[in-house]
Amino acid sequence: MFGGTLLDSLYCIKGKKSKNNEFKKLVSIFSFSRNAYLITDSDAIKKENKIIDQSNFSEAKDFFAAEFASLSEKGYKLGLWYKKNNTEVRTLEDYLDDISIKDNPKLGKPTKKLYALKITNLWDETKRLKDFKNNLSNEIQALDELIRQWNE
């Protein structure tokens, strides 16, 4: 999945809450594969000594986190990379190394995907996980281990 708008459209609770409908949407996501890994930004900021999610999708993220936990207990092979309330690594771009950021100034919010593609297309075979900040290598290693467990 890519982007909070997609996440929100899958969640889609407007006004009247219907958990059954939301569960059906979630299950339909897995109709093509029972293995899924969701990556979502925390979008957390500190404001007046409180940590808040400044995105429009906090309910959707919480819903998916709870459903992933529940379905994982039932044997679904799911993973979630969601650092809720993390104000230091608010977005996936915060994992980028300093050189990638310096060489590629932000293109703006509407073109977040293009920004990511631009940066990754410029990487060569010398780019290593250790080049990235905020322990990206730990996150990738955890994802790798999870996928290997799924395939056992």
N, C-alpha and C. Protein backbone atom coordinates (compact mmCIF):
# COMPACT_ATOMS: atom_id res chain seq x y z
N MET A 1 0.84 -1.18 0.00
CA MET A 1 0.00 0.00 0.00
C MET A 1 0.88 1.23 0.00
N PHE A 2 0.41 2.29 -0.58
CA PHE A 2 1.19 3.51 -0.61
C PHE A 2 0.29 4.68 -0.30
N GLY A 3 0.61 5.41 0.74
CA GLY A 3 -0.07 6.67 1.02
C GLY A 3 -1.23 6.55 1.97
N GLY A 4 -1.36 7.58 2.80
CA GLY A 4 -2.43 7.63 3.78
C GLY A 4 -3.81 7.68 3.17
N THR A 5 -3.93 8.28 1.99
CA THR A 5 -5.23 8.35 1.33
C THR A 5 -5.74 6.96 0.99
N LEU A 6 -4.84 6.09 0.52
CA LEU A 6 -5.23 4.71 0.23
C LEU A 6 -5.65 4.01 1.51
N LEU A 7 -4.87 4.18 2.56
CA LEU A 7 -5.19 3.58 3.85
C LEU A 7 -6.55 4.05 4.32
N ASP A 8 -6.80 5.34 4.21
CA ASP A 8 -8.06 5.90 4.65
C ASP A 8 -9.22 5.39 3.80
N SER A 9 -9.01 5.22 2.51
CA SER A 9 -10.10 4.75 1.66
C SER A 9 -10.44 3.30 1.98
N LEU A 10 -9.47 2.53 2.44
CA LEU A 10 -9.75 1.16 2.84
C LEU A 10 -10.47 1.11 4.18
N TYR A 11 -10.22 2.11 5.00
CA TYR A 11 -10.83 2.19 6.33
C TYR A 11 -12.22 2.78 6.22
N CYS A 12 -12.31 3.98 5.68
CA CYS A 12 -13.56 4.60 5.24
C CYS A 12 -14.69 4.64 6.25
N ILE A 13 -14.45 4.84 7.51
CA ILE A 13 -15.56 5.02 8.44
C ILE A 13 -15.90 6.49 8.47
N LYS A 14 -17.05 6.81 8.02
CA LYS A 14 -17.52 8.19 8.02
C LYS A 14 -18.83 8.23 8.80
N GLY A 15 -18.79 8.84 9.95
CA GLY A 15 -20.02 8.95 10.76
C GLY A 15 -20.38 7.64 11.41
N LYS A 16 -21.30 6.89 10.81
CA LYS A 16 -21.79 5.64 11.37
C LYS A 16 -20.70 4.56 11.29
N LYS A 17 -20.29 4.07 12.43
CA LYS A 17 -19.22 3.07 12.46
C LYS A 17 -19.79 1.66 12.29
N SER A 18 -19.23 0.95 11.35
CA SER A 18 -19.65 -0.41 11.09
C SER A 18 -18.41 -1.29 11.01
N LYS A 19 -18.05 -1.88 12.13
CA LYS A 19 -16.84 -2.69 12.17
C LYS A 19 -16.93 -3.87 11.21
N ASN A 20 -18.12 -4.43 11.02
CA ASN A 20 -18.27 -5.56 10.12
C ASN A 20 -17.89 -5.18 8.69
N ASN A 21 -18.36 -4.02 8.23
CA ASN A 21 -17.99 -3.58 6.88
C ASN A 21 -16.50 -3.34 6.77
N GLU A 22 -15.91 -2.76 7.81
CA GLU A 22 -14.48 -2.49 7.78
C GLU A 22 -13.69 -3.79 7.76
N PHE A 23 -14.15 -4.79 8.52
CA PHE A 23 -13.48 -6.08 8.52
C PHE A 23 -13.54 -6.71 7.13
N LYS A 24 -14.69 -6.58 6.45
CA LYS A 24 -14.82 -7.13 5.10
C LYS A 24 -13.82 -6.46 4.16
N LYS A 25 -13.63 -5.14 4.30
CA LYS A 25 -12.66 -4.44 3.46
C LYS A 25 -11.25 -4.94 3.75
N LEU A 26 -10.95 -5.12 5.03
CA LEU A 26 -9.63 -5.58 5.41
C LEU A 26 -9.37 -6.98 4.86
N VAL A 27 -10.35 -7.85 5.01
CA VAL A 27 -10.20 -9.22 4.51
C VAL A 27 -10.05 -9.21 3.00
N SER A 28 -10.77 -8.33 2.30
CA SER A 28 -10.66 -8.30 0.84
C SER A 28 -9.26 -7.90 0.38
N ILE A 29 -8.55 -7.15 1.21
CA ILE A 29 -7.17 -6.80 0.89
C ILE A 29 -6.34 -8.08 0.78
N PHE A 30 -6.65 -9.06 1.62
CA PHE A 30 -5.86 -10.29 1.66
C PHE A 30 -6.37 -11.35 0.69
N SER A 31 -7.33 -11.00 -0.15
CA SER A 31 -7.85 -12.00 -1.09
C SER A 31 -6.79 -12.39 -2.12
N PHE A 32 -5.82 -11.52 -2.36
CA PHE A 32 -4.76 -11.84 -3.31
C PHE A 32 -3.56 -12.47 -2.62
N SER A 33 -3.45 -12.35 -1.31
CA SER A 33 -2.34 -12.96 -0.57
C SER A 33 -2.65 -12.91 0.92
N ARG A 34 -2.37 -14.00 1.61
CA ARG A 34 -2.60 -14.01 3.06
C ARG A 34 -1.39 -13.46 3.81
N ASN A 35 -0.36 -13.08 3.08
CA ASN A 35 0.81 -12.45 3.68
C ASN A 35 0.75 -10.97 3.33
N ALA A 36 0.89 -10.13 4.33
CA ALA A 36 0.85 -8.68 4.07
C ALA A 36 1.73 -7.97 5.07
N TYR A 37 2.33 -6.90 4.61
CA TYR A 37 3.15 -6.06 5.47
C TYR A 37 2.76 -4.62 5.19
N LEU A 38 2.24 -3.97 6.19
CA LEU A 38 1.79 -2.58 6.05
C LEU A 38 2.83 -1.64 6.63
N ILE A 39 3.21 -0.66 5.85
CA ILE A 39 4.15 0.36 6.29
C ILE A 39 3.40 1.68 6.32
N THR A 40 3.39 2.35 7.46
CA THR A 40 2.70 3.63 7.56
C THR A 40 3.49 4.58 8.45
N ASP A 41 3.41 5.84 8.12
CA ASP A 41 4.09 6.88 8.88
C ASP A 41 3.41 7.09 10.23
N SER A 42 4.18 7.58 11.21
CA SER A 42 3.57 7.94 12.49
C SER A 42 2.91 9.30 12.39
N ASP A 43 3.50 10.21 11.62
CA ASP A 43 3.00 11.59 11.49
C ASP A 43 2.82 12.26 12.84
N ALA A 44 3.59 11.84 13.84
CA ALA A 44 3.44 12.34 15.20
C ALA A 44 4.25 13.62 15.42
N ILE A 45 3.64 14.54 16.12
CA ILE A 45 4.33 15.77 16.52
C ILE A 45 4.02 16.03 17.99
N LYS A 46 4.91 16.77 18.63
CA LYS A 46 4.66 17.20 20.01
C LYS A 46 4.00 18.56 19.96
N LYS A 47 2.90 18.67 20.66
CA LYS A 47 2.18 19.94 20.71
C LYS A 47 1.65 20.12 22.12
N GLU A 48 2.12 21.17 22.77
CA GLU A 48 1.70 21.47 24.14
C GLU A 48 1.88 20.25 25.05
N ASN A 49 3.08 19.65 25.00
CA ASN A 49 3.46 18.49 25.82
C ASN A 49 2.61 17.25 25.56
N LYS A 50 1.92 17.20 24.43
CA LYS A 50 1.17 16.02 24.03
C LYS A 50 1.71 15.57 22.69
N ILE A 51 1.62 14.27 22.45
CA ILE A 51 1.99 13.73 21.14
C ILE A 51 0.70 13.49 20.38
N ILE A 52 0.62 14.08 19.20
CA ILE A 52 -0.58 13.90 18.38
C ILE A 52 -0.18 13.46 16.98
N ASP A 53 -1.08 12.75 16.33
CA ASP A 53 -0.91 12.34 14.94
C ASP A 53 -1.52 13.45 14.10
N GLN A 54 -0.69 14.15 13.34
CA GLN A 54 -1.19 15.28 12.58
C GLN A 54 -1.80 14.90 11.24
N SER A 55 -1.81 13.61 10.91
CA SER A 55 -2.42 13.20 9.65
C SER A 55 -3.94 13.15 9.79
N ASN A 56 -4.59 12.98 8.67
CA ASN A 56 -6.05 12.81 8.66
C ASN A 56 -6.44 11.34 8.79
N PHE A 57 -5.45 10.47 9.01
CA PHE A 57 -5.68 9.04 8.93
C PHE A 57 -5.41 8.30 10.23
N SER A 58 -5.39 9.01 11.36
CA SER A 58 -5.01 8.35 12.62
C SER A 58 -5.99 7.24 12.99
N GLU A 59 -7.28 7.44 12.76
CA GLU A 59 -8.25 6.38 13.07
C GLU A 59 -8.02 5.16 12.18
N ALA A 60 -7.73 5.40 10.92
CA ALA A 60 -7.47 4.29 10.00
C ALA A 60 -6.23 3.52 10.44
N LYS A 61 -5.18 4.23 10.82
CA LYS A 61 -3.94 3.55 11.25
C LYS A 61 -4.18 2.73 12.51
N ASP A 62 -4.91 3.29 13.46
CA ASP A 62 -5.22 2.55 14.69
C ASP A 62 -6.08 1.33 14.39
N PHE A 63 -7.05 1.48 13.49
CA PHE A 63 -7.90 0.36 13.11
C PHE A 63 -7.07 -0.76 12.51
N PHE A 64 -6.22 -0.43 11.54
CA PHE A 64 -5.40 -1.46 10.91
C PHE A 64 -4.43 -2.09 11.89
N ALA A 65 -3.86 -1.32 12.79
CA ALA A 65 -2.94 -1.88 13.80
C ALA A 65 -3.67 -2.90 14.65
N ALA A 66 -4.88 -2.56 15.09
CA ALA A 66 -5.66 -3.49 15.93
C ALA A 66 -6.06 -4.73 15.15
N GLU A 67 -6.50 -4.55 13.91
CA GLU A 67 -6.91 -5.70 13.10
C GLU A 67 -5.72 -6.58 12.74
N PHE A 68 -4.58 -5.98 12.44
CA PHE A 68 -3.40 -6.78 12.15
C PHE A 68 -3.02 -7.62 13.36
N ALA A 69 -3.07 -7.03 14.53
CA ALA A 69 -2.74 -7.77 15.76
C ALA A 69 -3.71 -8.93 15.96
N SER A 70 -5.00 -8.66 15.77
CA SER A 70 -6.02 -9.69 15.95
C SER A 70 -5.88 -10.82 14.93
N LEU A 71 -5.71 -10.45 13.67
CA LEU A 71 -5.58 -11.46 12.61
C LEU A 71 -4.28 -12.24 12.72
N SER A 72 -3.22 -11.60 13.19
CA SER A 72 -1.95 -12.30 13.38
C SER A 72 -2.09 -13.40 14.42
N GLU A 73 -2.87 -13.12 15.46
CA GLU A 73 -3.11 -14.14 16.49
C GLU A 73 -3.89 -15.32 15.93
N LYS A 74 -4.64 -15.10 14.86
CA LYS A 74 -5.43 -16.16 14.24
C LYS A 74 -4.68 -16.89 13.14
N GLY A 75 -3.39 -16.58 12.98
CA GLY A 75 -2.57 -17.32 12.02
C GLY A 75 -2.30 -16.61 10.71
N TYR A 76 -2.87 -15.44 10.50
CA TYR A 76 -2.54 -14.69 9.29
C TYR A 76 -1.08 -14.26 9.38
N LYS A 77 -0.42 -14.23 8.27
CA LYS A 77 0.99 -13.84 8.23
C LYS A 77 1.06 -12.36 7.87
N LEU A 78 1.07 -11.54 8.90
CA LEU A 78 1.00 -10.09 8.75
C LEU A 78 2.13 -9.41 9.49
N GLY A 79 2.51 -8.27 8.99
CA GLY A 79 3.49 -7.46 9.67
C GLY A 79 3.08 -6.00 9.60
N LEU A 80 3.52 -5.24 10.56
CA LEU A 80 3.16 -3.82 10.61
C LEU A 80 4.37 -3.00 11.01
N TRP A 81 4.69 -2.05 10.19
CA TRP A 81 5.77 -1.10 10.47
C TRP A 81 5.07 0.22 10.72
N TYR A 82 4.70 0.46 11.94
CA TYR A 82 3.98 1.67 12.33
C TYR A 82 4.53 2.10 13.69
N LYS A 83 5.30 3.15 13.68
CA LYS A 83 5.93 3.65 14.89
C LYS A 83 5.05 4.75 15.50
N LYS A 84 3.92 4.33 16.00
CA LYS A 84 2.95 5.26 16.57
C LYS A 84 3.62 6.13 17.63
N ASN A 85 3.32 7.41 17.59
CA ASN A 85 3.81 8.41 18.55
C ASN A 85 5.31 8.67 18.47
N ASN A 86 5.96 8.20 17.43
CA ASN A 86 7.39 8.47 17.26
C ASN A 86 7.53 9.84 16.59
N THR A 87 8.01 10.81 17.35
CA THR A 87 8.15 12.17 16.82
C THR A 87 9.49 12.38 16.12
N GLU A 88 10.42 11.46 16.26
CA GLU A 88 11.72 11.59 15.60
C GLU A 88 11.71 11.00 14.20
N VAL A 89 11.00 9.90 14.03
CA VAL A 89 10.86 9.27 12.72
C VAL A 89 9.38 9.37 12.36
N ARG A 90 8.98 10.55 11.92
CA ARG A 90 7.57 10.83 11.65
C ARG A 90 7.10 10.24 10.32
N THR A 91 8.01 10.23 9.34
CA THR A 91 7.67 9.72 8.02
C THR A 91 8.79 8.80 7.55
N LEU A 92 8.50 8.02 6.55
CA LEU A 92 9.52 7.11 6.03
C LEU A 92 10.70 7.88 5.46
N GLU A 93 10.46 9.10 4.98
CA GLU A 93 11.56 9.92 4.46
C GLU A 93 12.57 10.25 5.55
N ASP A 94 12.16 10.23 6.80
CA ASP A 94 13.08 10.51 7.90
C ASP A 94 14.18 9.46 8.03
N TYR A 95 14.01 8.32 7.37
CA TYR A 95 15.04 7.29 7.37
C TYR A 95 16.14 7.57 6.34
N LEU A 96 15.87 8.47 5.41
CA LEU A 96 16.84 8.72 4.33
C LEU A 96 18.17 9.20 4.89
N ASP A 97 19.22 8.85 4.18
CA ASP A 97 20.54 9.32 4.57
C ASP A 97 20.70 10.78 4.19
N ASP A 98 21.61 11.48 4.85
CA ASP A 98 21.79 12.92 4.64
C ASP A 98 22.16 13.27 3.20
N ILE A 99 22.95 12.42 2.54
CA ILE A 99 23.37 12.70 1.16
C ILE A 99 22.16 12.66 0.23
N SER A 100 21.29 11.68 0.40
CA SER A 100 20.10 11.60 -0.45
C SER A 100 19.21 12.83 -0.28
N ILE A 101 19.09 13.29 0.94
CA ILE A 101 18.25 14.47 1.21
C ILE A 101 18.88 15.72 0.62
N LYS A 102 20.20 15.88 0.84
CA LYS A 102 20.91 17.07 0.35
C LYS A 102 20.87 17.14 -1.18
N ASP A 103 21.06 16.00 -1.82
CA ASP A 103 21.10 15.97 -3.28
C ASP A 103 19.71 16.03 -3.92
N ASN A 104 18.65 15.86 -3.12
CA ASN A 104 17.29 15.80 -3.66
C ASN A 104 16.33 16.60 -2.78
N PRO A 105 16.30 17.91 -2.95
CA PRO A 105 15.35 18.68 -2.14
C PRO A 105 13.92 18.21 -2.36
N LYS A 106 13.09 18.38 -1.34
CA LYS A 106 11.70 17.92 -1.41
C LYS A 106 10.99 18.49 -2.62
N LEU A 107 10.14 17.66 -3.21
CA LEU A 107 9.35 18.10 -4.35
C LEU A 107 7.98 18.61 -3.93
N GLY A 108 7.59 18.33 -2.71
CA GLY A 108 6.28 18.75 -2.23
C GLY A 108 5.39 17.56 -1.95
N LYS A 109 4.38 17.78 -1.13
CA LYS A 109 3.51 16.71 -0.68
C LYS A 109 2.78 15.96 -1.81
N PRO A 110 2.23 16.67 -2.81
CA PRO A 110 1.50 15.92 -3.84
C PRO A 110 2.37 14.96 -4.64
N THR A 111 3.67 15.13 -4.60
CA THR A 111 4.55 14.30 -5.39
C THR A 111 5.47 13.45 -4.52
N LYS A 112 4.98 13.02 -3.38
CA LYS A 112 5.78 12.21 -2.46
C LYS A 112 6.30 10.93 -3.13
N LYS A 113 5.46 10.28 -3.91
CA LYS A 113 5.88 9.06 -4.58
C LYS A 113 6.97 9.36 -5.61
N LEU A 114 6.81 10.45 -6.36
CA LEU A 114 7.83 10.84 -7.34
C LEU A 114 9.15 11.17 -6.66
N TYR A 115 9.08 11.81 -5.49
CA TYR A 115 10.28 12.12 -4.71
C TYR A 115 11.01 10.84 -4.32
N ALA A 116 10.26 9.86 -3.84
CA ALA A 116 10.86 8.58 -3.45
C ALA A 116 11.48 7.89 -4.66
N LEU A 117 10.79 7.89 -5.78
CA LEU A 117 11.33 7.27 -6.99
C LEU A 117 12.58 7.99 -7.48
N LYS A 118 12.57 9.30 -7.43
CA LYS A 118 13.73 10.08 -7.87
C LYS A 118 14.96 9.73 -7.04
N ILE A 119 14.79 9.67 -5.73
CA ILE A 119 15.91 9.36 -4.86
C ILE A 119 16.41 7.94 -5.08
N THR A 120 15.53 6.98 -5.06
CA THR A 120 15.97 5.58 -5.17
C THR A 120 16.55 5.28 -6.55
N ASN A 121 16.08 5.95 -7.58
CA ASN A 121 16.65 5.74 -8.92
C ASN A 121 18.08 6.25 -9.03
N LEU A 122 18.47 7.17 -8.15
CA LEU A 122 19.83 7.71 -8.18
C LEU A 122 20.82 6.88 -7.35
N TRP A 123 20.30 5.96 -6.54
CA TRP A 123 21.20 5.12 -5.75
C TRP A 123 21.92 4.15 -6.66
N ASP A 124 23.15 3.83 -6.27
CA ASP A 124 23.90 2.83 -7.02
C ASP A 124 24.25 1.67 -6.09
N GLU A 125 25.09 0.77 -6.59
CA GLU A 125 25.41 -0.44 -5.81
C GLU A 125 26.23 -0.15 -4.56
N THR A 126 26.69 1.09 -4.38
CA THR A 126 27.47 1.41 -3.18
C THR A 126 26.58 1.80 -2.00
N LYS A 127 25.28 2.01 -2.22
CA LYS A 127 24.36 2.39 -1.15
C LYS A 127 24.16 1.19 -0.22
N ARG A 128 24.33 1.39 1.05
CA ARG A 128 24.22 0.33 2.05
C ARG A 128 23.24 0.74 3.15
N LEU A 129 22.66 -0.24 3.81
CA LEU A 129 21.71 0.07 4.89
C LEU A 129 22.35 0.91 5.98
N LYS A 130 23.64 0.71 6.22
CA LYS A 130 24.31 1.47 7.28
C LYS A 130 24.40 2.96 6.95
N ASP A 131 24.18 3.32 5.68
CA ASP A 131 24.19 4.73 5.28
C ASP A 131 22.98 5.48 5.82
N PHE A 132 21.93 4.76 6.16
CA PHE A 132 20.68 5.39 6.57
C PHE A 132 20.65 5.64 8.07
N LYS A 133 19.90 6.65 8.46
CA LYS A 133 19.79 6.98 9.89
C LYS A 133 18.56 6.31 10.49
N ASN A 134 18.38 6.50 11.78
CA ASN A 134 17.21 6.01 12.51
C ASN A 134 17.01 4.49 12.44
N ASN A 135 18.10 3.77 12.42
CA ASN A 135 18.07 2.31 12.49
C ASN A 135 17.22 1.65 11.42
N LEU A 136 17.27 2.17 10.21
CA LEU A 136 16.55 1.54 9.11
C LEU A 136 17.00 0.09 8.94
N SER A 137 18.28 -0.15 9.14
CA SER A 137 18.77 -1.53 8.96
C SER A 137 18.08 -2.48 9.93
N ASN A 138 17.80 -2.03 11.15
CA ASN A 138 17.08 -2.87 12.11
C ASN A 138 15.66 -3.19 11.62
N GLU A 139 15.00 -2.20 11.04
CA GLU A 139 13.65 -2.41 10.53
C GLU A 139 13.65 -3.38 9.35
N ILE A 140 14.59 -3.20 8.43
CA ILE A 140 14.69 -4.07 7.27
C ILE A 140 15.03 -5.50 7.70
N GLN A 141 15.92 -5.62 8.68
CA GLN A 141 16.28 -6.95 9.17
C GLN A 141 15.07 -7.64 9.80
N ALA A 142 14.27 -6.89 10.57
CA ALA A 142 13.06 -7.47 11.17
C ALA A 142 12.08 -7.91 10.09
N LEU A 143 11.92 -7.10 9.05
CA LEU A 143 11.04 -7.46 7.94
C LEU A 143 11.56 -8.71 7.23
N ASP A 144 12.85 -8.77 6.97
CA ASP A 144 13.46 -9.93 6.33
C ASP A 144 13.23 -11.19 7.16
N GLU A 145 13.43 -11.10 8.47
CA GLU A 145 13.23 -12.26 9.34
C GLU A 145 11.77 -12.72 9.33
N LEU A 146 10.85 -11.76 9.32
CA LEU A 146 9.43 -12.09 9.30
C LEU A 146 9.06 -12.83 8.00
N ILE A 147 9.52 -12.32 6.88
CA ILE A 147 9.23 -12.95 5.60
C ILE A 147 9.84 -14.34 5.52
N ARG A 148 11.04 -14.51 6.07
CA ARG A 148 11.65 -15.83 6.09
C ARG A 148 10.83 -16.80 6.94
N GLN A 149 10.28 -16.32 8.07
CA GLN A 149 9.40 -17.16 8.90
C GLN A 149 8.16 -17.58 8.13
N TRP A 150 7.58 -16.66 7.39
CA TRP A 150 6.39 -16.96 6.59
C TRP A 150 6.66 -18.06 5.59
N ASN A 151 7.88 -18.12 5.08
CA ASN A 151 8.21 -19.08 4.02
C ASN A 151 8.73 -20.41 4.54
N GLU A 152 8.80 -20.58 5.85
CA GLU A 152 9.26 -21.87 6.41
C GLU A 152 8.20 -22.94 6.29
